[in-house]
């Protein structure tokens, strides 16, 4: 089985949703579908997934001006997955404090 999860999202918005709505965010590989994401979360964290929402982000075009001219490139594209867990379950992403 391939590794679908790249890393968890640690943002202010996701921290608030963790506490209020039992939602967690993850960066996943672009080719992963919702079924694979739910299975990976269940296997890694031993929780029951209620819902999976995904968002694809395109890479942005960035331009830099240097002495030798203009350089144009792209940032990497990526996919985010928002996971909602069943009532009463949680994932400890921050570790025991």
PDB file of N, CA and C in Angstrom:
ATOM      1  N   UNK A   1       0.840  -1.180   0.000  1.00  0.00           N
ATOM      2  CA  UNK A   1       0.000   0.000   0.000  1.00  0.00           C
ATOM      3  C   UNK A   1       0.887   1.246   0.000  1.00  0.00           C
ATOM      4  N   UNK A   2       0.519   2.232  -0.786  1.00  0.00           N
ATOM      5  CA  UNK A   2       1.320   3.446  -0.875  1.00  0.00           C
ATOM      6  C   UNK A   2       0.996   4.412   0.259  1.00  0.00           C
ATOM      7  N   UNK A   3       1.931   5.291   0.544  1.00  0.00           N
ATOM      8  CA  UNK A   3       1.753   6.265   1.610  1.00  0.00           C
ATOM      9  C   UNK A   3       1.000   7.471   1.050  1.00  0.00           C
ATOM     10  N   UNK A   4      -0.251   7.640   1.445  1.00  0.00           N
ATOM     11  CA  UNK A   4      -1.124   8.680   0.912  1.00  0.00           C
ATOM     12  C   UNK A   4      -0.919   9.998   1.646  1.00  0.00           C
ATOM     13  N   UNK A   5      -0.747   9.946   2.962  1.00  0.00           N
ATOM     14  CA  UNK A   5      -0.637  11.153   3.777  1.00  0.00           C
ATOM     15  C   UNK A   5       0.773  11.728   3.687  1.00  0.00           C
ATOM     16  N   UNK A   6       0.888  13.023   3.410  1.00  0.00           N
ATOM     17  CA  UNK A   6       2.189  13.684   3.358  1.00  0.00           C
ATOM     18  C   UNK A   6       2.498  14.305   4.712  1.00  0.00           C
ATOM     19  N   UNK A   7       1.594  15.176   5.204  1.00  0.00           N
ATOM     20  CA  UNK A   7       1.785  15.800   6.518  1.00  0.00           C
ATOM     21  C   UNK A   7       0.465  16.404   6.987  1.00  0.00           C
ATOM     22  N   UNK A   8       0.300  16.553   8.298  1.00  0.00           N
ATOM     23  CA  UNK A   8      -0.907  17.211   8.814  1.00  0.00           C
ATOM     24  C   UNK A   8      -0.796  18.729   8.684  1.00  0.00           C
ATOM     25  N   UNK A   9      -1.957  19.393   8.642  1.00  0.00           N
ATOM     26  CA  UNK A   9      -1.999  20.852   8.574  1.00  0.00           C
ATOM     27  C   UNK A   9      -2.056  21.422   9.981  1.00  0.00           C
ATOM     28  N   UNK A  10      -1.103  22.261  10.317  1.00  0.00           N
ATOM     29  CA  UNK A  10      -1.091  22.946  11.610  1.00  0.00           C
ATOM     30  C   UNK A  10      -1.289  24.437  11.354  1.00  0.00           C
ATOM     31  N   UNK A  11      -2.540  24.861  11.240  1.00  0.00           N
ATOM     32  CA  UNK A  11      -2.860  26.268  11.056  1.00  0.00           C
ATOM     33  C   UNK A  11      -3.801  26.700  12.167  1.00  0.00           C
ATOM     34  N   UNK A  12      -3.966  27.993  12.312  1.00  0.00           N
ATOM     35  CA  UNK A  12      -4.853  28.522  13.348  1.00  0.00           C
ATOM     36  C   UNK A  12      -6.295  28.082  13.099  1.00  0.00           C
ATOM     37  N   UNK A  13      -6.714  28.116  11.857  1.00  0.00           N
ATOM     38  CA  UNK A  13      -8.073  27.709  11.499  1.00  0.00           C
ATOM     39  C   UNK A  13      -8.296  26.222  11.781  1.00  0.00           C
ATOM     40  N   UNK A  14      -7.330  25.376  11.422  1.00  0.00           N
ATOM     41  CA  UNK A  14      -7.492  23.936  11.646  1.00  0.00           C
ATOM     42  C   UNK A  14      -7.471  23.605  13.133  1.00  0.00           C
ATOM     43  N   UNK A  15      -6.688  24.326  13.925  1.00  0.00           N
ATOM     44  CA  UNK A  15      -6.661  24.092  15.366  1.00  0.00           C
ATOM     45  C   UNK A  15      -8.018  24.395  15.981  1.00  0.00           C
ATOM     46  N   UNK A  16      -8.666  25.463  15.529  1.00  0.00           N
ATOM     47  CA  UNK A  16     -10.000  25.810  16.027  1.00  0.00           C
ATOM     48  C   UNK A  16     -11.017  24.744  15.623  1.00  0.00           C
ATOM     49  N   UNK A  17     -10.943  24.271  14.381  1.00  0.00           N
ATOM     50  CA  UNK A  17     -11.878  23.246  13.921  1.00  0.00           C
ATOM     51  C   UNK A  17     -11.622  21.904  14.602  1.00  0.00           C
ATOM     52  N   UNK A  18     -10.368  21.619  14.976  1.00  0.00           N
ATOM     53  CA  UNK A  18     -10.065  20.400  15.735  1.00  0.00           C
ATOM     54  C   UNK A  18     -10.856  20.388  17.030  1.00  0.00           C
ATOM     55  N   UNK A  19     -10.866  21.517  17.718  1.00  0.00           N
ATOM     56  CA  UNK A  19     -11.517  21.597  19.020  1.00  0.00           C
ATOM     57  C   UNK A  19     -13.037  21.624  18.891  1.00  0.00           C
ATOM     58  N   UNK A  20     -13.564  22.375  17.925  1.00  0.00           N
ATOM     59  CA  UNK A  20     -15.006  22.584  17.829  1.00  0.00           C
ATOM     60  C   UNK A  20     -15.730  21.486  17.053  1.00  0.00           C
ATOM     61  N   UNK A  21     -15.229  21.120  15.881  1.00  0.00           N
ATOM     62  CA  UNK A  21     -15.976  20.268  14.955  1.00  0.00           C
ATOM     63  C   UNK A  21     -15.359  18.897  14.713  1.00  0.00           C
ATOM     64  N   UNK A  22     -14.281  18.566  15.378  1.00  0.00           N
ATOM     65  CA  UNK A  22     -13.568  17.304  15.164  1.00  0.00           C
ATOM     66  C   UNK A  22     -13.141  17.142  13.704  1.00  0.00           C
ATOM     67  N   UNK A  23     -12.646  18.243  13.103  1.00  0.00           N
ATOM     68  CA  UNK A  23     -12.131  18.216  11.736  1.00  0.00           C
ATOM     69  C   UNK A  23     -10.617  18.339  11.776  1.00  0.00           C
ATOM     70  N   UNK A  24      -9.956  17.618  10.889  1.00  0.00           N
ATOM     71  CA  UNK A  24      -8.500  17.627  10.801  1.00  0.00           C
ATOM     72  C   UNK A  24      -8.111  17.806   9.340  1.00  0.00           C
ATOM     73  N   UNK A  25      -7.016  18.520   9.108  1.00  0.00           N
ATOM     74  CA  UNK A  25      -6.546  18.755   7.753  1.00  0.00           C
ATOM     75  C   UNK A  25      -5.225  18.060   7.500  1.00  0.00           C
ATOM     76  N   UNK A  26      -5.066  17.553   6.282  1.00  0.00           N
ATOM     77  CA  UNK A  26      -3.838  16.867   5.885  1.00  0.00           C
ATOM     78  C   UNK A  26      -3.478  17.258   4.462  1.00  0.00           C
ATOM     79  N   UNK A  27      -2.181  17.350   4.182  1.00  0.00           N
ATOM     80  CA  UNK A  27      -1.694  17.426   2.809  1.00  0.00           C
ATOM     81  C   UNK A  27      -1.548  15.977   2.353  1.00  0.00           C
ATOM     82  N   UNK A  28      -2.117  15.654   1.196  1.00  0.00           N
ATOM     83  CA  UNK A  28      -2.067  14.287   0.676  1.00  0.00           C
ATOM     84  C   UNK A  28      -1.484  14.318  -0.734  1.00  0.00           C
ATOM     85  N   UNK A  29      -1.122  13.148  -1.254  1.00  0.00           N
ATOM     86  CA  UNK A  29      -0.607  13.097  -2.622  1.00  0.00           C
ATOM     87  C   UNK A  29      -1.747  13.421  -3.590  1.00  0.00           C
ATOM     88  N   UNK A  30      -1.415  14.020  -4.712  1.00  0.00           N
ATOM     89  CA  UNK A  30      -2.424  14.532  -5.643  1.00  0.00           C
ATOM     90  C   UNK A  30      -3.286  13.448  -6.272  1.00  0.00           C
ATOM     91  N   UNK A  31      -2.773  12.248  -6.389  1.00  0.00           N
ATOM     92  CA  UNK A  31      -3.524  11.182  -7.051  1.00  0.00           C
ATOM     93  C   UNK A  31      -4.429  10.403  -6.098  1.00  0.00           C
ATOM     94  N   UNK A  32      -4.428  10.740  -4.814  1.00  0.00           N
ATOM     95  CA  UNK A  32      -5.228   9.998  -3.828  1.00  0.00           C
ATOM     96  C   UNK A  32      -6.704  10.364  -3.941  1.00  0.00           C
ATOM     97  N   UNK A  33      -7.575   9.356  -3.790  1.00  0.00           N
ATOM     98  CA  UNK A  33      -9.006   9.633  -3.760  1.00  0.00           C
ATOM     99  C   UNK A  33      -9.519   9.559  -2.321  1.00  0.00           C
ATOM    100  N   UNK A  34     -10.799   9.885  -2.125  1.00  0.00           N
ATOM    101  CA  UNK A  34     -11.357   9.982  -0.778  1.00  0.00           C
ATOM    102  C   UNK A  34     -11.350   8.640  -0.045  1.00  0.00           C
ATOM    103  N   UNK A  35     -11.563   7.562  -0.759  1.00  0.00           N
ATOM    104  CA  UNK A  35     -11.582   6.232  -0.140  1.00  0.00           C
ATOM    105  C   UNK A  35     -10.194   5.867   0.373  1.00  0.00           C
ATOM    106  N   UNK A  36      -9.159   6.121  -0.432  1.00  0.00           N
ATOM    107  CA  UNK A  36      -7.785   5.848  -0.006  1.00  0.00           C
ATOM    108  C   UNK A  36      -7.383   6.711   1.188  1.00  0.00           C
ATOM    109  N   UNK A  37      -7.814   7.965   1.189  1.00  0.00           N
ATOM    110  CA  UNK A  37      -7.486   8.874   2.291  1.00  0.00           C
ATOM    111  C   UNK A  37      -8.134   8.393   3.585  1.00  0.00           C
ATOM    112  N   UNK A  38      -9.414   8.023   3.521  1.00  0.00           N
ATOM    113  CA  UNK A  38     -10.123   7.540   4.713  1.00  0.00           C
ATOM    114  C   UNK A  38      -9.475   6.273   5.255  1.00  0.00           C
ATOM    115  N   UNK A  39      -9.076   5.365   4.365  1.00  0.00           N
ATOM    116  CA  UNK A  39      -8.435   4.118   4.799  1.00  0.00           C
ATOM    117  C   UNK A  39      -7.075   4.399   5.446  1.00  0.00           C
ATOM    118  N   UNK A  40      -6.307   5.338   4.878  1.00  0.00           N
ATOM    119  CA  UNK A  40      -4.998   5.684   5.436  1.00  0.00           C
ATOM    120  C   UNK A  40      -5.134   6.297   6.827  1.00  0.00           C
ATOM    121  N   UNK A  41      -6.134   7.155   7.030  1.00  0.00           N
ATOM    122  CA  UNK A  41      -6.370   7.767   8.343  1.00  0.00           C
ATOM    123  C   UNK A  41      -6.768   6.693   9.349  1.00  0.00           C
ATOM    124  N   UNK A  42      -7.649   5.789   8.926  1.00  0.00           N
ATOM    125  CA  UNK A  42      -8.101   4.713   9.821  1.00  0.00           C
ATOM    126  C   UNK A  42      -6.936   3.813  10.224  1.00  0.00           C
ATOM    127  N   UNK A  43      -6.076   3.455   9.269  1.00  0.00           N
ATOM    128  CA  UNK A  43      -4.943   2.572   9.558  1.00  0.00           C
ATOM    129  C   UNK A  43      -3.894   3.240  10.446  1.00  0.00           C
ATOM    130  N   UNK A  44      -3.606   4.514  10.184  1.00  0.00           N
ATOM    131  CA  UNK A  44      -2.533   5.193  10.908  1.00  0.00           C
ATOM    132  C   UNK A  44      -2.946   5.627  12.311  1.00  0.00           C
ATOM    133  N   UNK A  45      -4.168   6.177  12.454  1.00  0.00           N
ATOM    134  CA  UNK A  45      -4.576   6.759  13.732  1.00  0.00           C
ATOM    135  C   UNK A  45      -5.629   5.937  14.479  1.00  0.00           C
ATOM    136  N   UNK A  46      -6.127   4.859  13.880  1.00  0.00           N
ATOM    137  CA  UNK A  46      -7.097   3.960  14.514  1.00  0.00           C
ATOM    138  C   UNK A  46      -8.360   4.708  14.963  1.00  0.00           C
ATOM    139  N   UNK A  47      -8.948   5.491  14.044  1.00  0.00           N
ATOM    140  CA  UNK A  47     -10.184   6.230  14.297  1.00  0.00           C
ATOM    141  C   UNK A  47     -11.176   5.939  13.172  1.00  0.00           C
ATOM    142  N   UNK A  48     -12.452   6.277  13.403  1.00  0.00           N
ATOM    143  CA  UNK A  48     -13.487   6.088  12.400  1.00  0.00           C
ATOM    144  C   UNK A  48     -13.733   7.410  11.681  1.00  0.00           C
ATOM    145  N   UNK A  49     -13.586   7.415  10.372  1.00  0.00           N
ATOM    146  CA  UNK A  49     -13.753   8.621   9.567  1.00  0.00           C
ATOM    147  C   UNK A  49     -15.211   8.744   9.146  1.00  0.00           C
ATOM    148  N   UNK A  50     -15.817   9.911   9.418  1.00  0.00           N
ATOM    149  CA  UNK A  50     -17.205  10.150   9.042  1.00  0.00           C
ATOM    150  C   UNK A  50     -17.307  10.777   7.651  1.00  0.00           C
ATOM    151  N   UNK A  51     -16.376  11.684   7.313  1.00  0.00           N
ATOM    152  CA  UNK A  51     -16.471  12.405   6.048  1.00  0.00           C
ATOM    153  C   UNK A  51     -15.080  12.848   5.599  1.00  0.00           C
ATOM    154  N   UNK A  52     -14.887  12.908   4.279  1.00  0.00           N
ATOM    155  CA  UNK A  52     -13.633  13.389   3.698  1.00  0.00           C
ATOM    156  C   UNK A  52     -13.968  14.414   2.620  1.00  0.00           C
ATOM    157  N   UNK A  53     -13.400  15.605   2.729  1.00  0.00           N
ATOM    158  CA  UNK A  53     -13.517  16.635   1.698  1.00  0.00           C
ATOM    159  C   UNK A  53     -12.117  16.929   1.177  1.00  0.00           C
ATOM    160  N   UNK A  54     -11.989  17.093  -0.146  1.00  0.00           N
ATOM    161  CA  UNK A  54     -10.676  17.345  -0.733  1.00  0.00           C
ATOM    162  C   UNK A  54     -10.689  18.633  -1.551  1.00  0.00           C
ATOM    163  N   UNK A  55      -9.524  19.272  -1.621  1.00  0.00           N
ATOM    164  CA  UNK A  55      -9.340  20.496  -2.402  1.00  0.00           C
ATOM    165  C   UNK A  55      -8.019  20.377  -3.147  1.00  0.00           C
ATOM    166  N   UNK A  56      -8.045  20.592  -4.467  1.00  0.00           N
ATOM    167  CA  UNK A  56      -6.827  20.605  -5.276  1.00  0.00           C
ATOM    168  C   UNK A  56      -6.350  22.037  -5.448  1.00  0.00           C
ATOM    169  N   UNK A  57      -5.064  22.284  -5.204  1.00  0.00           N
ATOM    170  CA  UNK A  57      -4.471  23.599  -5.387  1.00  0.00           C
ATOM    171  C   UNK A  57      -3.501  23.546  -6.557  1.00  0.00           C
ATOM    172  N   UNK A  58      -3.664  24.480  -7.497  1.00  0.00           N
ATOM    173  CA  UNK A  58      -2.733  24.577  -8.611  1.00  0.00           C
ATOM    174  C   UNK A  58      -1.507  25.359  -8.168  1.00  0.00           C
ATOM    175  N   UNK A  59      -0.373  25.099  -8.775  1.00  0.00           N
ATOM    176  CA  UNK A  59       0.831  25.855  -8.461  1.00  0.00           C
ATOM    177  C   UNK A  59       0.734  27.272  -9.009  1.00  0.00           C
ATOM    178  N   UNK A  60       1.245  28.229  -8.264  1.00  0.00           N
ATOM    179  CA  UNK A  60       1.217  29.624  -8.698  1.00  0.00           C
ATOM    180  C   UNK A  60       2.449  29.932  -9.548  1.00  0.00           C
ATOM    181  N   UNK A  61       2.297  30.849 -10.484  1.00  0.00           N
ATOM    182  CA  UNK A  61       3.423  31.307 -11.291  1.00  0.00           C
ATOM    183  C   UNK A  61       4.115  32.426 -10.526  1.00  0.00           C
ATOM    184  N   UNK A  62       5.408  32.282 -10.325  1.00  0.00           N
ATOM    185  CA  UNK A  62       6.203  33.280  -9.611  1.00  0.00           C
ATOM    186  C   UNK A  62       7.282  33.813 -10.552  1.00  0.00           C
ATOM    187  N   UNK A  63       7.521  35.117 -10.484  1.00  0.00           N
ATOM    188  CA  UNK A  63       8.535  35.754 -11.318  1.00  0.00           C
ATOM    189  C   UNK A  63       9.530  36.487 -10.433  1.00  0.00           C
ATOM    190  N   UNK A  64      10.813  36.320 -10.719  1.00  0.00           N
ATOM    191  CA  UNK A  64      11.877  37.018  -9.998  1.00  0.00           C
ATOM    192  C   UNK A  64      12.690  37.835 -10.986  1.00  0.00           C
ATOM    193  N   UNK A  65      13.008  39.042 -10.582  1.00  0.00           N
ATOM    194  CA  UNK A  65      13.880  39.881 -11.403  1.00  0.00           C
ATOM    195  C   UNK A  65      15.294  39.826 -10.821  1.00  0.00           C
ATOM    196  N   UNK A  66      16.256  39.501 -11.650  1.00  0.00           N
ATOM    197  CA  UNK A  66      17.667  39.451 -11.265  1.00  0.00           C
ATOM    198  C   UNK A  66      18.454  40.366 -12.189  1.00  0.00           C
ATOM    199  N   UNK A  67      19.729  40.516 -11.905  1.00  0.00           N
ATOM    200  CA  UNK A  67      20.577  41.336 -12.774  1.00  0.00           C
ATOM    201  C   UNK A  67      20.645  40.762 -14.182  1.00  0.00           C
ATOM    202  N   UNK A  68      20.615  39.436 -14.265  1.00  0.00           N
ATOM    203  CA  UNK A  68      20.751  38.791 -15.564  1.00  0.00           C
ATOM    204  C   UNK A  68      19.423  38.657 -16.305  1.00  0.00           C
ATOM    205  N   UNK A  69      18.320  39.107 -15.710  1.00  0.00           N
ATOM    206  CA  UNK A  69      17.039  39.038 -16.411  1.00  0.00           C
ATOM    207  C   UNK A  69      15.912  38.529 -15.526  1.00  0.00           C
ATOM    208  N   UNK A  70      14.838  38.165 -16.166  1.00  0.00           N
ATOM    209  CA  UNK A  70      13.637  37.707 -15.478  1.00  0.00           C
ATOM    210  C   UNK A  70      13.594  36.177 -15.455  1.00  0.00           C
ATOM    211  N   UNK A  71      13.275  35.615 -14.295  1.00  0.00           N
ATOM    212  CA  UNK A  71      13.130  34.170 -14.149  1.00  0.00           C
ATOM    213  C   UNK A  71      11.693  33.855 -13.750  1.00  0.00           C
ATOM    214  N   UNK A  72      11.071  32.958 -14.472  1.00  0.00           N
ATOM    215  CA  UNK A  72       9.696  32.565 -14.183  1.00  0.00           C
ATOM    216  C   UNK A  72       9.682  31.098 -13.792  1.00  0.00           C
ATOM    217  N   UNK A  73       8.938  30.789 -12.761  1.00  0.00           N
ATOM    218  CA  UNK A  73       8.811  29.408 -12.305  1.00  0.00           C
ATOM    219  C   UNK A  73       7.447  29.186 -11.680  1.00  0.00           C
ATOM    220  N   UNK A  74       7.221  27.989 -11.193  1.00  0.00           N
ATOM    221  CA  UNK A  74       5.949  27.644 -10.574  1.00  0.00           C
ATOM    222  C   UNK A  74       6.190  27.051  -9.197  1.00  0.00           C
ATOM    223  N   UNK A  75       5.249  27.313  -8.281  1.00  0.00           N
ATOM    224  CA  UNK A  75       5.272  26.613  -7.004  1.00  0.00           C
ATOM    225  C   UNK A  75       4.612  25.254  -7.210  1.00  0.00           C
ATOM    226  N   UNK A  76       4.836  24.345  -6.308  1.00  0.00           N
ATOM    227  CA  UNK A  76       4.327  22.985  -6.460  1.00  0.00           C
ATOM    228  C   UNK A  76       2.814  22.943  -6.257  1.00  0.00           C
ATOM    229  N   UNK A  77       2.136  22.090  -7.037  1.00  0.00           N
ATOM    230  CA  UNK A  77       0.710  21.870  -6.806  1.00  0.00           C
ATOM    231  C   UNK A  77       0.563  20.843  -5.689  1.00  0.00           C
ATOM    232  N   UNK A  78      -0.572  20.889  -4.991  1.00  0.00           N
ATOM    233  CA  UNK A  78      -0.797  19.949  -3.899  1.00  0.00           C
ATOM    234  C   UNK A  78      -2.283  19.767  -3.659  1.00  0.00           C
ATOM    235  N   UNK A  79      -2.606  18.823  -2.806  1.00  0.00           N
ATOM    236  CA  UNK A  79      -3.995  18.493  -2.494  1.00  0.00           C
ATOM    237  C   UNK A  79      -4.166  18.473  -0.987  1.00  0.00           C
ATOM    238  N   UNK A  80      -5.245  19.099  -0.506  1.00  0.00           N
ATOM    239  CA  UNK A  80      -5.578  19.081   0.915  1.00  0.00           C
ATOM    240  C   UNK A  80      -6.780  18.180   1.123  1.00  0.00           C
ATOM    241  N   UNK A  81      -6.793  17.488   2.252  1.00  0.00           N
ATOM    242  CA  UNK A  81      -7.946  16.673   2.634  1.00  0.00           C
ATOM    243  C   UNK A  81      -8.403  17.110   4.018  1.00  0.00           C
ATOM    244  N   UNK A  82      -9.697  17.384   4.140  1.00  0.00           N
ATOM    245  CA  UNK A  82     -10.294  17.737   5.425  1.00  0.00           C
ATOM    246  C   UNK A  82     -11.086  16.533   5.912  1.00  0.00           C
ATOM    247  N   UNK A  83     -10.713  16.011   7.080  1.00  0.00           N
ATOM    248  CA  UNK A  83     -11.278  14.787   7.635  1.00  0.00           C
ATOM    249  C   UNK A  83     -12.202  15.142   8.796  1.00  0.00           C
ATOM    250  N   UNK A  84     -13.422  14.608   8.784  1.00  0.00           N
ATOM    251  CA  UNK A  84     -14.330  14.733   9.921  1.00  0.00           C
ATOM    252  C   UNK A  84     -14.445  13.361  10.566  1.00  0.00           C
ATOM    253  N   UNK A  85     -14.269  13.310  11.883  1.00  0.00           N
ATOM    254  CA  UNK A  85     -14.329  12.050  12.616  1.00  0.00           C
ATOM    255  C   UNK A  85     -15.707  11.838  13.230  1.00  0.00           C
ATOM    256  N   UNK A  86     -15.987  10.583  13.592  1.00  0.00           N
ATOM    257  CA  UNK A  86     -17.227  10.263  14.311  1.00  0.00           C
ATOM    258  C   UNK A  86     -17.218  10.953  15.664  1.00  0.00           C
ATOM    259  N   UNK A  87     -18.402  11.163  16.217  1.00  0.00           N
ATOM    260  CA  UNK A  87     -18.556  11.842  17.508  1.00  0.00           C
ATOM    261  C   UNK A  87     -17.773  11.108  18.597  1.00  0.00           C
ATOM    262  N   UNK A  88     -17.039  11.865  19.392  1.00  0.00           N
ATOM    263  CA  UNK A  88     -16.306  11.303  20.521  1.00  0.00           C
ATOM    264  C   UNK A  88     -14.898  10.828  20.215  1.00  0.00           C
ATOM    265  N   UNK A  89     -14.481  10.839  18.950  1.00  0.00           N
ATOM    266  CA  UNK A  89     -13.133  10.393  18.598  1.00  0.00           C
ATOM    267  C   UNK A  89     -12.252  11.597  18.289  1.00  0.00           C
ATOM    268  N   UNK A  90     -10.947  11.450  18.510  1.00  0.00           N
ATOM    269  CA  UNK A  90     -10.012  12.521  18.186  1.00  0.00           C
ATOM    270  C   UNK A  90      -8.647  11.946  17.860  1.00  0.00           C
ATOM    271  N   UNK A  91      -7.859  12.745  17.157  1.00  0.00           N
ATOM    272  CA  UNK A  91      -6.497  12.382  16.784  1.00  0.00           C
ATOM    273  C   UNK A  91      -5.561  13.286  17.572  1.00  0.00           C
ATOM    274  N   UNK A  92      -4.542  12.704  18.192  1.00  0.00           N
ATOM    275  CA  UNK A  92      -3.573  13.479  18.955  1.00  0.00           C
ATOM    276  C   UNK A  92      -2.381  13.802  18.052  1.00  0.00           C
ATOM    277  N   UNK A  93      -2.485  14.908  17.301  1.00  0.00           N
ATOM    278  CA  UNK A  93      -1.419  15.305  16.383  1.00  0.00           C
ATOM    279  C   UNK A  93      -0.287  16.036  17.084  1.00  0.00           C
ATOM    280  N   UNK A  94      -0.571  16.653  18.226  1.00  0.00           N
ATOM    281  CA  UNK A  94       0.416  17.475  18.906  1.00  0.00           C
ATOM    282  C   UNK A  94       1.234  16.697  19.924  1.00  0.00           C
ATOM    283  N   UNK A  95       0.864  15.484  20.227  1.00  0.00           N
ATOM    284  CA  UNK A  95       1.577  14.688  21.220  1.00  0.00           C
ATOM    285  C   UNK A  95       1.120  15.026  22.628  1.00  0.00           C
ATOM    286  N   UNK A  96       1.514  14.219  23.578  1.00  0.00           N
ATOM    287  CA  UNK A  96       1.155  14.457  24.982  1.00  0.00           C
ATOM    288  C   UNK A  96       1.925  15.659  25.493  1.00  0.00           C
ATOM    289  N   UNK A  97       1.208  16.630  26.059  1.00  0.00           N
ATOM    290  CA  UNK A  97       1.864  17.844  26.568  1.00  0.00           C
ATOM    291  C   UNK A  97       2.017  17.796  28.071  1.00  0.00           C
TER     292      UNK A  97
END
